[in-house]
Amino acid sequence: MQTKLKGVIPALPTPFDADGEIDEAAFRAEVRFMLGKGVHGICVCGSTGEGHTIEKDEFRRLTAAAMEEVQGRVPVVAGIIANSTREVIARTRVVADFGIEAVQVTPTFYVFQTSEESLFGHFKTIWETVGVPIVLYNVIPWNLLTTRFTLRILNEIPGVVGIKQSQGDMHRVAELVLHAPKDKVILAAIDDLLYPCFAIGVQGTLAASPAAVPGVVVALWNAVQAGDHAMALEIHKLLLNFWSLVPLENQPACVKYALETQGCHTGLPRQPMPYPTAAQQAEFAPALRALLAAYDPER
């Protein structure tokens, strides 16, 4: 099964107000901001979008808003973070009528270990029940999909159109690029190593750093596609310097801060996640400013 997913696909943060309610106007403006930076798709309700906190009616509302703002110009992926096949199916049905390109689905993540055979059945049942294309989201540290198992899923479940490879494993990215079926997409989510991922042939990125600095990552993607590896390496150095300073514990909130500095209002994180402290801001803000000044001068 072919998919339109390619290039730079930011995982959008979800703007919340002080009461934890969705700020839909800010979210719509954020989508327009991303489109203005030349992104090739968007993802709603992923990890950066605090998708683990999003209720079903909010999931539908955000997906609907994104589809209305995009107007078919780029594909939309809807993120699902859930612990049962039943819940993933229910959430997929909530947005299936919008014509989204795919759902991004994590392996199960609660404390009980899931066997590979059970996980294979999980993804197979989701596809056969709802018929919406699936992007695997390989991010759960204690339930990582091995390369061998991922290739089995990609080869045997037609509706699994690709994988978002996270967890910092460049070796796994390289193996997937080499061995995956040619009609399946490998999307890099190793935020500080996007340049080498692009250079070895991934079809794109779906990640947090493209949400924080979309113009920069689009410039990086374009440089690699044009064969300008000298420029790509320089962008990589500044991007690596910035992203290595972003703390993992409240990364979505830090992405919001990065967008705020670019004039894109993204509100607050949903409690209990804190907004970046003054100390955190002081740690990574200079590197962020340097990156933006060099490679997103029209911000």
C-alpha atoms as a PDB file:
ATOM      1  CA  MET A   1       0.000   0.000   0.000  1.00  0.00           C
ATOM      2  CA  GLN A   2       1.437   3.343  -1.065  1.00  0.00           C
ATOM      3  CA  THR A   3       1.411   6.427   1.155  1.00  0.00           C
ATOM      4  CA  LYS A   4       1.955  10.129   0.539  1.00  0.00           C
ATOM      5  CA  LEU A   5       4.056  10.499   3.679  1.00  0.00           C
ATOM      6  CA  LYS A   6       7.437  11.979   2.853  1.00  0.00           C
ATOM      7  CA  GLY A   7       9.699  14.801   3.930  1.00  0.00           C
ATOM      8  CA  VAL A   8       9.310  16.917   7.060  1.00  0.00           C
ATOM      9  CA  ILE A   9       6.271  16.085   9.202  1.00  0.00           C
ATOM     10  CA  PRO A  10       6.243  17.918  12.546  1.00  0.00           C
ATOM     11  CA  ALA A  11       4.533  16.334  15.545  1.00  0.00           C
ATOM     12  CA  LEU A  12       2.447  19.321  16.579  1.00  0.00           C
ATOM     13  CA  PRO A  13       2.205  20.404  20.215  1.00  0.00           C
ATOM     14  CA  THR A  14      -1.329  20.920  21.485  1.00  0.00           C
ATOM     15  CA  PRO A  15      -1.990  24.396  22.948  1.00  0.00           C
ATOM     16  CA  PHE A  16      -3.743  24.334  26.333  1.00  0.00           C
ATOM     17  CA  ASP A  17      -4.887  27.231  28.488  1.00  0.00           C
ATOM     18  CA  ALA A  18      -4.289  27.589  32.231  1.00  0.00           C
ATOM     19  CA  ASP A  19      -7.270  25.303  32.942  1.00  0.00           C
ATOM     20  CA  GLY A  20      -5.949  22.559  30.663  1.00  0.00           C
ATOM     21  CA  GLU A  21      -8.545  23.221  27.969  1.00  0.00           C
ATOM     22  CA  ILE A  22      -7.612  23.110  24.280  1.00  0.00           C
ATOM     23  CA  ASP A  23      -7.014  26.508  22.683  1.00  0.00           C
ATOM     24  CA  GLU A  24      -8.380  25.687  19.244  1.00  0.00           C
ATOM     25  CA  ALA A  25      -7.680  29.109  17.736  1.00  0.00           C
ATOM     26  CA  ALA A  26      -4.016  28.777  18.721  1.00  0.00           C
ATOM     27  CA  PHE A  27      -3.899  25.245  17.336  1.00  0.00           C
ATOM     28  CA  ARG A  28      -5.297  26.352  13.992  1.00  0.00           C
ATOM     29  CA  ALA A  29      -2.782  29.205  13.848  1.00  0.00           C
ATOM     30  CA  GLU A  30      -0.020  26.721  14.617  1.00  0.00           C
ATOM     31  CA  VAL A  31      -1.055  24.539  11.670  1.00  0.00           C
ATOM     32  CA  ARG A  32      -0.946  27.604   9.407  1.00  0.00           C
ATOM     33  CA  PHE A  33       2.476  28.521  10.809  1.00  0.00           C
ATOM     34  CA  MET A  34       3.804  25.067   9.952  1.00  0.00           C
ATOM     35  CA  LEU A  35       2.396  25.214   6.436  1.00  0.00           C
ATOM     36  CA  GLY A  36       4.068  28.590   5.992  1.00  0.00           C
ATOM     37  CA  LYS A  37       7.404  26.962   6.806  1.00  0.00           C
ATOM     38  CA  GLY A  38       6.986  24.503   3.956  1.00  0.00           C
ATOM     39  CA  VAL A  39       6.405  21.279   5.885  1.00  0.00           C
ATOM     40  CA  HIS A  40       5.289  18.225   3.938  1.00  0.00           C
ATOM     41  CA  GLY A  41       2.704  16.911   6.417  1.00  0.00           C
ATOM     42  CA  ILE A  42       1.587  17.248  10.031  1.00  0.00           C
ATOM     43  CA  CYS A  43       0.879  14.885  12.913  1.00  0.00           C
ATOM     44  CA  VAL A  44      -1.651  15.653  15.630  1.00  0.00           C
ATOM     45  CA  CYS A  45      -1.906  14.100  19.100  1.00  0.00           C
ATOM     46  CA  GLY A  46       1.458  12.371  19.066  1.00  0.00           C
ATOM     47  CA  SER A  47       3.876  12.404  21.983  1.00  0.00           C
ATOM     48  CA  THR A  48       4.782  16.055  21.395  1.00  0.00           C
ATOM     49  CA  GLY A  49       1.061  16.792  21.202  1.00  0.00           C
ATOM     50  CA  GLU A  50       0.643  15.203  24.653  1.00  0.00           C
ATOM     51  CA  GLY A  51      -1.533  12.589  22.997  1.00  0.00           C
ATOM     52  CA  HIS A  52      -1.445  10.420  26.109  1.00  0.00           C
ATOM     53  CA  THR A  53      -3.611  13.080  27.808  1.00  0.00           C
ATOM     54  CA  ILE A  54      -6.085  13.648  24.950  1.00  0.00           C
ATOM     55  CA  GLU A  55      -9.673  12.431  25.286  1.00  0.00           C
ATOM     56  CA  LYS A  56     -11.607  10.938  22.368  1.00  0.00           C
ATOM     57  CA  ASP A  57     -13.769  13.998  21.724  1.00  0.00           C
ATOM     58  CA  GLU A  58     -10.664  16.204  21.849  1.00  0.00           C
ATOM     59  CA  PHE A  59      -8.917  13.828  19.446  1.00  0.00           C
ATOM     60  CA  ARG A  60     -11.716  14.257  16.928  1.00  0.00           C
ATOM     61  CA  ARG A  61     -11.852  18.010  17.443  1.00  0.00           C
ATOM     62  CA  LEU A  62      -8.109  18.489  16.888  1.00  0.00           C
ATOM     63  CA  THR A  63      -8.038  16.210  13.849  1.00  0.00           C
ATOM     64  CA  ALA A  64     -11.005  18.020  12.339  1.00  0.00           C
ATOM     65  CA  ALA A  65      -9.372  21.400  12.898  1.00  0.00           C
ATOM     66  CA  ALA A  66      -6.130  20.225  11.320  1.00  0.00           C
ATOM     67  CA  MET A  67      -7.917  18.839   8.274  1.00  0.00           C
ATOM     68  CA  GLU A  68      -9.873  22.070   7.833  1.00  0.00           C
ATOM     69  CA  GLU A  69      -6.719  24.191   8.000  1.00  0.00           C
ATOM     70  CA  VAL A  70      -4.667  21.925   5.740  1.00  0.00           C
ATOM     71  CA  GLN A  71      -7.364  21.739   3.034  1.00  0.00           C
ATOM     72  CA  GLY A  72      -5.655  18.794   1.354  1.00  0.00           C
ATOM     73  CA  ARG A  73      -2.329  20.563   0.840  1.00  0.00           C
ATOM     74  CA  VAL A  74      -0.356  18.049   2.930  1.00  0.00           C
ATOM     75  CA  PRO A  75      -1.229  14.708   4.527  1.00  0.00           C
ATOM     76  CA  VAL A  76      -2.360  14.529   8.161  1.00  0.00           C
ATOM     77  CA  VAL A  77      -1.385  11.756  10.588  1.00  0.00           C
ATOM     78  CA  ALA A  78      -3.363  11.198  13.795  1.00  0.00           C
ATOM     79  CA  GLY A  79      -1.448   9.823  16.777  1.00  0.00           C
ATOM     80  CA  ILE A  80      -2.901   7.132  19.024  1.00  0.00           C
ATOM     81  CA  ILE A  81      -1.266   6.184  22.322  1.00  0.00           C
ATOM     82  CA  ALA A  82      -3.321   3.406  23.901  1.00  0.00           C
ATOM     83  CA  ASN A  83      -2.909   0.101  25.713  1.00  0.00           C
ATOM     84  CA  SER A  84      -5.522  -2.111  24.098  1.00  0.00           C
ATOM     85  CA  THR A  85      -6.490  -3.129  20.594  1.00  0.00           C
ATOM     86  CA  ARG A  86     -10.075  -2.186  21.425  1.00  0.00           C
ATOM     87  CA  GLU A  87      -9.087   1.367  22.407  1.00  0.00           C
ATOM     88  CA  VAL A  88      -6.935   1.912  19.311  1.00  0.00           C
ATOM     89  CA  ILE A  89      -9.809   0.755  17.119  1.00  0.00           C
ATOM     90  CA  ALA A  90     -12.253   3.020  18.945  1.00  0.00           C
ATOM     91  CA  ARG A  91      -9.987   6.034  18.570  1.00  0.00           C
ATOM     92  CA  THR A  92      -9.325   5.288  14.907  1.00  0.00           C
ATOM     93  CA  ARG A  93     -13.054   5.156  14.240  1.00  0.00           C
ATOM     94  CA  VAL A  94     -13.414   8.588  15.853  1.00  0.00           C
ATOM     95  CA  VAL A  95     -11.345  10.149  13.033  1.00  0.00           C
ATOM     96  CA  ALA A  96     -11.704   7.648  10.181  1.00  0.00           C
ATOM     97  CA  ASP A  97     -14.239   9.777   8.292  1.00  0.00           C
ATOM     98  CA  PHE A  98     -11.856  12.722   7.878  1.00  0.00           C
ATOM     99  CA  GLY A  99      -9.664  11.118   5.218  1.00  0.00           C
ATOM    100  CA  ILE A 100      -6.462  11.177   7.261  1.00  0.00           C
ATOM    101  CA  GLU A 101      -3.371   9.663   5.670  1.00  0.00           C
ATOM    102  CA  ALA A 102      -2.663   7.304   8.588  1.00  0.00           C
ATOM    103  CA  VAL A 103      -2.871   6.696  12.298  1.00  0.00           C
ATOM    104  CA  GLN A 104       0.398   6.573  14.209  1.00  0.00           C
ATOM    105  CA  VAL A 105       0.148   3.737  16.725  1.00  0.00           C
ATOM    106  CA  THR A 106       2.508   2.854  19.581  1.00  0.00           C
ATOM    107  CA  PRO A 107       3.058  -0.655  20.856  1.00  0.00           C
ATOM    108  CA  THR A 108       1.377  -1.219  24.201  1.00  0.00           C
ATOM    109  CA  PHE A 109       3.278   0.373  27.064  1.00  0.00           C
ATOM    110  CA  TYR A 110       1.764  -0.612  30.406  1.00  0.00           C
ATOM    111  CA  VAL A 111       3.800  -2.737  32.818  1.00  0.00           C
ATOM    112  CA  PHE A 112       2.831  -6.168  31.456  1.00  0.00           C
ATOM    113  CA  GLN A 113       5.155  -7.427  28.718  1.00  0.00           C
ATOM    114  CA  THR A 114       3.476  -8.107  25.369  1.00  0.00           C
ATOM    115  CA  SER A 115       4.806 -10.933  23.201  1.00  0.00           C
ATOM    116  CA  GLU A 116       5.685 -10.341  19.570  1.00  0.00           C
ATOM    117  CA  GLU A 117       2.894 -12.661  18.453  1.00  0.00           C
ATOM    118  CA  SER A 118       0.376 -10.686  20.516  1.00  0.00           C
ATOM    119  CA  LEU A 119       1.653  -7.397  19.107  1.00  0.00           C
ATOM    120  CA  PHE A 120       1.469  -8.748  15.561  1.00  0.00           C
ATOM    121  CA  GLY A 121      -2.163  -9.667  16.217  1.00  0.00           C
ATOM    122  CA  HIS A 122      -2.727  -6.194  17.696  1.00  0.00           C
ATOM    123  CA  PHE A 123      -1.662  -4.355  14.531  1.00  0.00           C
ATOM    124  CA  LYS A 124      -3.260  -6.915  12.204  1.00  0.00           C
ATOM    125  CA  THR A 125      -6.627  -6.642  13.976  1.00  0.00           C
ATOM    126  CA  ILE A 126      -6.528  -2.832  13.921  1.00  0.00           C
ATOM    127  CA  TRP A 127      -5.921  -2.798  10.168  1.00  0.00           C
ATOM    128  CA  GLU A 128      -8.460  -5.485   9.327  1.00  0.00           C
ATOM    129  CA  THR A 129     -11.139  -3.900  11.528  1.00  0.00           C
ATOM    130  CA  VAL A 130     -10.941  -0.235  10.523  1.00  0.00           C
ATOM    131  CA  GLY A 131      -8.969  -0.187   7.272  1.00  0.00           C
ATOM    132  CA  VAL A 132      -7.085   3.033   8.043  1.00  0.00           C
ATOM    133  CA  PRO A 133      -3.367   2.923   7.162  1.00  0.00           C
ATOM    134  CA  ILE A 134      -1.028   2.544  10.137  1.00  0.00           C
ATOM    135  CA  VAL A 135       2.398   3.992  10.890  1.00  0.00           C
ATOM    136  CA  LEU A 136       4.161   2.060  13.644  1.00  0.00           C
ATOM    137  CA  TYR A 137       5.601   4.337  16.324  1.00  0.00           C
ATOM    138  CA  ASN A 138       8.648   2.558  17.707  1.00  0.00           C
ATOM    139  CA  VAL A 139       9.211   4.590  20.860  1.00  0.00           C
ATOM    140  CA  ILE A 140       8.368   2.532  23.954  1.00  0.00           C
ATOM    141  CA  PRO A 141      11.754   1.771  25.604  1.00  0.00           C
ATOM    142  CA  TRP A 142      10.613  -1.459  27.287  1.00  0.00           C
ATOM    143  CA  ASN A 143       8.637  -2.676  24.277  1.00  0.00           C
ATOM    144  CA  LEU A 144      10.804  -1.815  21.288  1.00  0.00           C
ATOM    145  CA  LEU A 145      10.065  -3.502  17.984  1.00  0.00           C
ATOM    146  CA  THR A 146      13.155  -5.332  16.746  1.00  0.00           C
ATOM    147  CA  THR A 147      14.225  -4.892  13.139  1.00  0.00           C
ATOM    148  CA  ARG A 148      13.321  -8.499  12.356  1.00  0.00           C
ATOM    149  CA  PHE A 149       9.858  -8.137  13.855  1.00  0.00           C
ATOM    150  CA  THR A 150       9.263  -4.773  12.215  1.00  0.00           C
ATOM    151  CA  LEU A 151      10.127  -6.219   8.820  1.00  0.00           C
ATOM    152  CA  ARG A 152       7.663  -9.048   9.410  1.00  0.00           C
ATOM    153  CA  ILE A 153       4.894  -6.529  10.135  1.00  0.00           C
ATOM    154  CA  LEU A 154       5.788  -4.388   7.113  1.00  0.00           C
ATOM    155  CA  ASN A 155       5.815  -7.431   4.843  1.00  0.00           C
ATOM    156  CA  GLU A 156       2.746  -9.254   6.161  1.00  0.00           C
ATOM    157  CA  ILE A 157       0.239  -6.519   7.104  1.00  0.00           C
ATOM    158  CA  PRO A 158      -0.617  -4.514   3.963  1.00  0.00           C
ATOM    159  CA  GLY A 159      -2.132  -1.612   5.875  1.00  0.00           C
ATOM    160  CA  VAL A 160       1.009  -0.878   7.874  1.00  0.00           C
ATOM    161  CA  VAL A 161       2.508   1.699   5.520  1.00  0.00           C
ATOM    162  CA  GLY A 162       5.665   2.498   7.462  1.00  0.00           C
ATOM    163  CA  ILE A 163       7.384   3.112  10.754  1.00  0.00           C
ATOM    164  CA  LYS A 164       8.429   6.114  12.786  1.00  0.00           C
ATOM    165  CA  GLN A 165      11.743   4.939  14.241  1.00  0.00           C
ATOM    166  CA  SER A 166      12.561   6.677  17.504  1.00  0.00           C
ATOM    167  CA  GLN A 167      14.685   5.780  20.541  1.00  0.00           C
ATOM    168  CA  GLY A 168      17.957   7.053  19.102  1.00  0.00           C
ATOM    169  CA  ASP A 169      18.933   3.884  17.261  1.00  0.00           C
ATOM    170  CA  MET A 170      20.699   4.848  14.021  1.00  0.00           C
ATOM    171  CA  HIS A 171      21.679   1.228  13.398  1.00  0.00           C
ATOM    172  CA  ARG A 172      18.021   0.202  13.381  1.00  0.00           C
ATOM    173  CA  VAL A 173      17.190   3.071  11.023  1.00  0.00           C
ATOM    174  CA  ALA A 174      19.933   1.928   8.642  1.00  0.00           C
ATOM    175  CA  GLU A 175      18.728  -1.686   8.724  1.00  0.00           C
ATOM    176  CA  LEU A 176      15.157  -0.658   7.990  1.00  0.00           C
ATOM    177  CA  VAL A 177      16.181   1.574   5.083  1.00  0.00           C
ATOM    178  CA  LEU A 178      18.169  -1.317   3.636  1.00  0.00           C
ATOM    179  CA  HIS A 179      15.666  -4.120   4.098  1.00  0.00           C
ATOM    180  CA  ALA A 180      12.124  -2.688   4.254  1.00  0.00           C
ATOM    181  CA  PRO A 181       9.776  -3.148   1.297  1.00  0.00           C
ATOM    182  CA  LYS A 182      10.229  -0.269  -1.129  1.00  0.00           C
ATOM    183  CA  ASP A 183       6.598   0.816  -0.857  1.00  0.00           C
ATOM    184  CA  LYS A 184       6.887   1.316   2.941  1.00  0.00           C
ATOM    185  CA  VAL A 185       8.220   4.526   4.499  1.00  0.00           C
ATOM    186  CA  ILE A 186      10.918   4.829   7.154  1.00  0.00           C
ATOM    187  CA  LEU A 187      10.428   8.083   9.073  1.00  0.00           C
ATOM    188  CA  ALA A 188      13.265   9.148  11.341  1.00  0.00           C
ATOM    189  CA  ALA A 189      12.472  10.400  14.839  1.00  0.00           C
ATOM    190  CA  ILE A 190      16.039  10.695  16.140  1.00  0.00           C
ATOM    191  CA  ASP A 191      15.763  14.425  16.634  1.00  0.00           C
ATOM    192  CA  ASP A 192      19.426  15.352  16.872  1.00  0.00           C
ATOM    193  CA  LEU A 193      20.604  13.005  14.108  1.00  0.00           C
ATOM    194  CA  LEU A 194      18.213  13.841  11.297  1.00  0.00           C
ATOM    195  CA  TYR A 195      21.013  14.711   8.892  1.00  0.00           C
ATOM    196  CA  PRO A 196      22.633  11.251   8.873  1.00  0.00           C
ATOM    197  CA  CYS A 197      19.161   9.688   8.731  1.00  0.00           C
ATOM    198  CA  PHE A 198      18.344  11.794   5.656  1.00  0.00           C
ATOM    199  CA  ALA A 199      21.735  10.990   4.137  1.00  0.00           C
ATOM    200  CA  ILE A 200      21.248   7.215   4.352  1.00  0.00           C
ATOM    201  CA  GLY A 201      17.880   7.365   2.646  1.00  0.00           C
ATOM    202  CA  VAL A 202      14.952   7.645   5.026  1.00  0.00           C
ATOM    203  CA  GLN A 203      11.861   8.994   3.303  1.00  0.00           C
ATOM    204  CA  GLY A 204      11.387  11.720   5.889  1.00  0.00           C
ATOM    205  CA  THR A 205      11.004  12.607   9.525  1.00  0.00           C
ATOM    206  CA  LEU A 206       8.037  12.682  11.868  1.00  0.00           C
ATOM    207  CA  ALA A 207       9.379  14.072  15.110  1.00  0.00           C
ATOM    208  CA  ALA A 208       9.536  16.780  17.768  1.00  0.00           C
ATOM    209  CA  SER A 209      12.498  18.831  16.516  1.00  0.00           C
ATOM    210  CA  PRO A 210      10.732  19.596  13.203  1.00  0.00           C
ATOM    211  CA  ALA A 211       7.900  20.992  15.331  1.00  0.00           C
ATOM    212  CA  ALA A 212      10.278  23.152  17.362  1.00  0.00           C
ATOM    213  CA  VAL A 213      12.182  24.548  14.367  1.00  0.00           C
ATOM    214  CA  PRO A 214      10.202  23.603  11.241  1.00  0.00           C
ATOM    215  CA  GLY A 215      11.911  26.076   8.914  1.00  0.00           C
ATOM    216  CA  VAL A 216      15.341  24.788   9.920  1.00  0.00           C
ATOM    217  CA  VAL A 217      14.464  21.122   9.398  1.00  0.00           C
ATOM    218  CA  VAL A 218      12.864  21.877   6.027  1.00  0.00           C
ATOM    219  CA  ALA A 219      16.124  23.652   5.067  1.00  0.00           C
ATOM    220  CA  LEU A 220      18.069  20.565   6.200  1.00  0.00           C
ATOM    221  CA  TRP A 221      15.824  18.223   4.203  1.00  0.00           C
ATOM    222  CA  ASN A 222      16.086  20.417   1.105  1.00  0.00           C
ATOM    223  CA  ALA A 223      19.871  20.604   1.395  1.00  0.00           C
ATOM    224  CA  VAL A 224      20.204  16.815   1.510  1.00  0.00           C
ATOM    225  CA  GLN A 225      17.777  16.344  -1.376  1.00  0.00           C
ATOM    226  CA  ALA A 226      19.828  18.820  -3.421  1.00  0.00           C
ATOM    227  CA  GLY A 227      23.070  17.033  -2.541  1.00  0.00           C
ATOM    228  CA  ASP A 228      24.405  20.055  -0.643  1.00  0.00           C
ATOM    229  CA  HIS A 229      25.970  18.089   2.194  1.00  0.00           C
ATOM    230  CA  ALA A 230      28.238  20.948   3.227  1.00  0.00           C
ATOM    231  CA  MET A 231      25.219  23.066   4.128  1.00  0.00           C
ATOM    232  CA  ALA A 232      23.416  20.074   5.631  1.00  0.00           C
ATOM    233  CA  LEU A 233      26.380  19.377   7.910  1.00  0.00           C
ATOM    234  CA  GLU A 234      26.439  22.966   9.144  1.00  0.00           C
ATOM    235  CA  ILE A 235      22.701  22.869   9.902  1.00  0.00           C
ATOM    236  CA  HIS A 236      23.205  19.531  11.647  1.00  0.00           C
ATOM    237  CA  LYS A 237      25.869  20.928  13.951  1.00  0.00           C
ATOM    238  CA  LEU A 238      23.651  23.762  15.162  1.00  0.00           C
ATOM    239  CA  LEU A 239      20.582  21.538  15.411  1.00  0.00           C
ATOM    240  CA  LEU A 240      22.527  18.957  17.415  1.00  0.00           C
ATOM    241  CA  ASN A 241      23.831  21.670  19.731  1.00  0.00           C
ATOM    242  CA  PHE A 242      20.298  22.940  20.362  1.00  0.00           C
ATOM    243  CA  TRP A 243      18.480  19.623  20.722  1.00  0.00           C
ATOM    244  CA  SER A 244      21.072  18.056  22.993  1.00  0.00           C
ATOM    245  CA  LEU A 245      20.205  20.759  25.557  1.00  0.00           C
ATOM    246  CA  VAL A 246      16.432  20.163  25.463  1.00  0.00           C
ATOM    247  CA  PRO A 247      15.368  18.103  28.511  1.00  0.00           C
ATOM    248  CA  LEU A 248      13.360  14.951  27.850  1.00  0.00           C
ATOM    249  CA  GLU A 249      11.143  15.188  30.927  1.00  0.00           C
ATOM    250  CA  ASN A 250       9.140  18.140  29.568  1.00  0.00           C
ATOM    251  CA  GLN A 251      10.193  18.082  25.922  1.00  0.00           C
ATOM    252  CA  PRO A 252       6.714  18.957  24.552  1.00  0.00           C
ATOM    253  CA  ALA A 253       6.660  22.062  26.738  1.00  0.00           C
ATOM    254  CA  CYS A 254      10.128  23.012  25.497  1.00  0.00           C
ATOM    255  CA  VAL A 255       8.889  22.683  21.908  1.00  0.00           C
ATOM    256  CA  LYS A 256       6.111  25.106  22.822  1.00  0.00           C
ATOM    257  CA  TYR A 257       8.661  27.547  24.187  1.00  0.00           C
ATOM    258  CA  ALA A 258      10.720  27.278  20.985  1.00  0.00           C
ATOM    259  CA  LEU A 259       7.645  28.075  18.893  1.00  0.00           C
ATOM    260  CA  GLU A 260       6.694  30.991  21.148  1.00  0.00           C
ATOM    261  CA  THR A 261      10.108  32.549  20.456  1.00  0.00           C
ATOM    262  CA  GLN A 262       9.189  32.409  16.749  1.00  0.00           C
ATOM    263  CA  GLY A 263       5.874  34.186  17.260  1.00  0.00           C
ATOM    264  CA  CYS A 264       3.721  31.047  17.201  1.00  0.00           C
ATOM    265  CA  HIS A 265       1.544  30.938  20.318  1.00  0.00           C
ATOM    266  CA  THR A 266       1.260  27.387  21.633  1.00  0.00           C
ATOM    267  CA  GLY A 267      -0.046  27.868  25.169  1.00  0.00           C
ATOM    268  CA  LEU A 268       0.796  25.727  28.164  1.00  0.00           C
ATOM    269  CA  PRO A 269       1.366  22.002  28.660  1.00  0.00           C
ATOM    270  CA  ARG A 270      -1.309  19.963  30.386  1.00  0.00           C
ATOM    271  CA  GLN A 271      -0.672  19.314  34.072  1.00  0.00           C
ATOM    272  CA  PRO A 272       1.410  17.684  35.511  1.00  0.00           C
ATOM    273  CA  MET A 273       3.929  18.576  32.800  1.00  0.00           C
ATOM    274  CA  PRO A 274       5.647  21.866  33.696  1.00  0.00           C
ATOM    275  CA  TYR A 275       6.504  24.710  31.356  1.00  0.00           C
ATOM    276  CA  PRO A 276      10.286  25.117  30.920  1.00  0.00           C
ATOM    277  CA  THR A 277      11.823  26.705  33.984  1.00  0.00           C
ATOM    278  CA  ALA A 278      13.943  29.831  33.719  1.00  0.00           C
ATOM    279  CA  ALA A 279      17.015  27.641  34.178  1.00  0.00           C
ATOM    280  CA  GLN A 280      15.968  25.329  31.336  1.00  0.00           C
ATOM    281  CA  GLN A 281      15.261  28.267  29.058  1.00  0.00           C
ATOM    282  CA  ALA A 282      18.644  29.792  29.842  1.00  0.00           C
ATOM    283  CA  GLU A 283      20.280  26.454  29.011  1.00  0.00           C
ATOM    284  CA  PHE A 284      18.957  26.002  25.483  1.00  0.00           C
ATOM    285  CA  ALA A 285      17.680  29.431  24.353  1.00  0.00           C
ATOM    286  CA  PRO A 286      21.068  30.722  23.108  1.00  0.00           C
ATOM    287  CA  ALA A 287      21.563  27.623  20.942  1.00  0.00           C
ATOM    288  CA  LEU A 288      18.002  27.999  19.654  1.00  0.00           C
ATOM    289  CA  ARG A 289      18.578  31.639  18.735  1.00  0.00           C
ATOM    290  CA  ALA A 290      21.808  30.801  16.932  1.00  0.00           C
ATOM    291  CA  LEU A 291      20.114  28.042  14.948  1.00  0.00           C
ATOM    292  CA  LEU A 292      17.191  30.207  13.916  1.00  0.00           C
ATOM    293  CA  ALA A 293      19.380  33.184  13.022  1.00  0.00           C
ATOM    294  CA  ALA A 294      21.500  31.052  10.722  1.00  0.00           C
ATOM    295  CA  TYR A 295      18.913  28.874   8.997  1.00  0.00           C
ATOM    296  CA  ASP A 296      15.457  30.384   9.455  1.00  0.00           C
ATOM    297  CA  PRO A 297      16.145  34.098   8.935  1.00  0.00           C
ATOM    298  CA  GLU A 298      12.558  34.857   7.828  1.00  0.00           C
ATOM    299  CA  ARG A 299      11.074  33.810  11.164  1.00  0.00           C
END
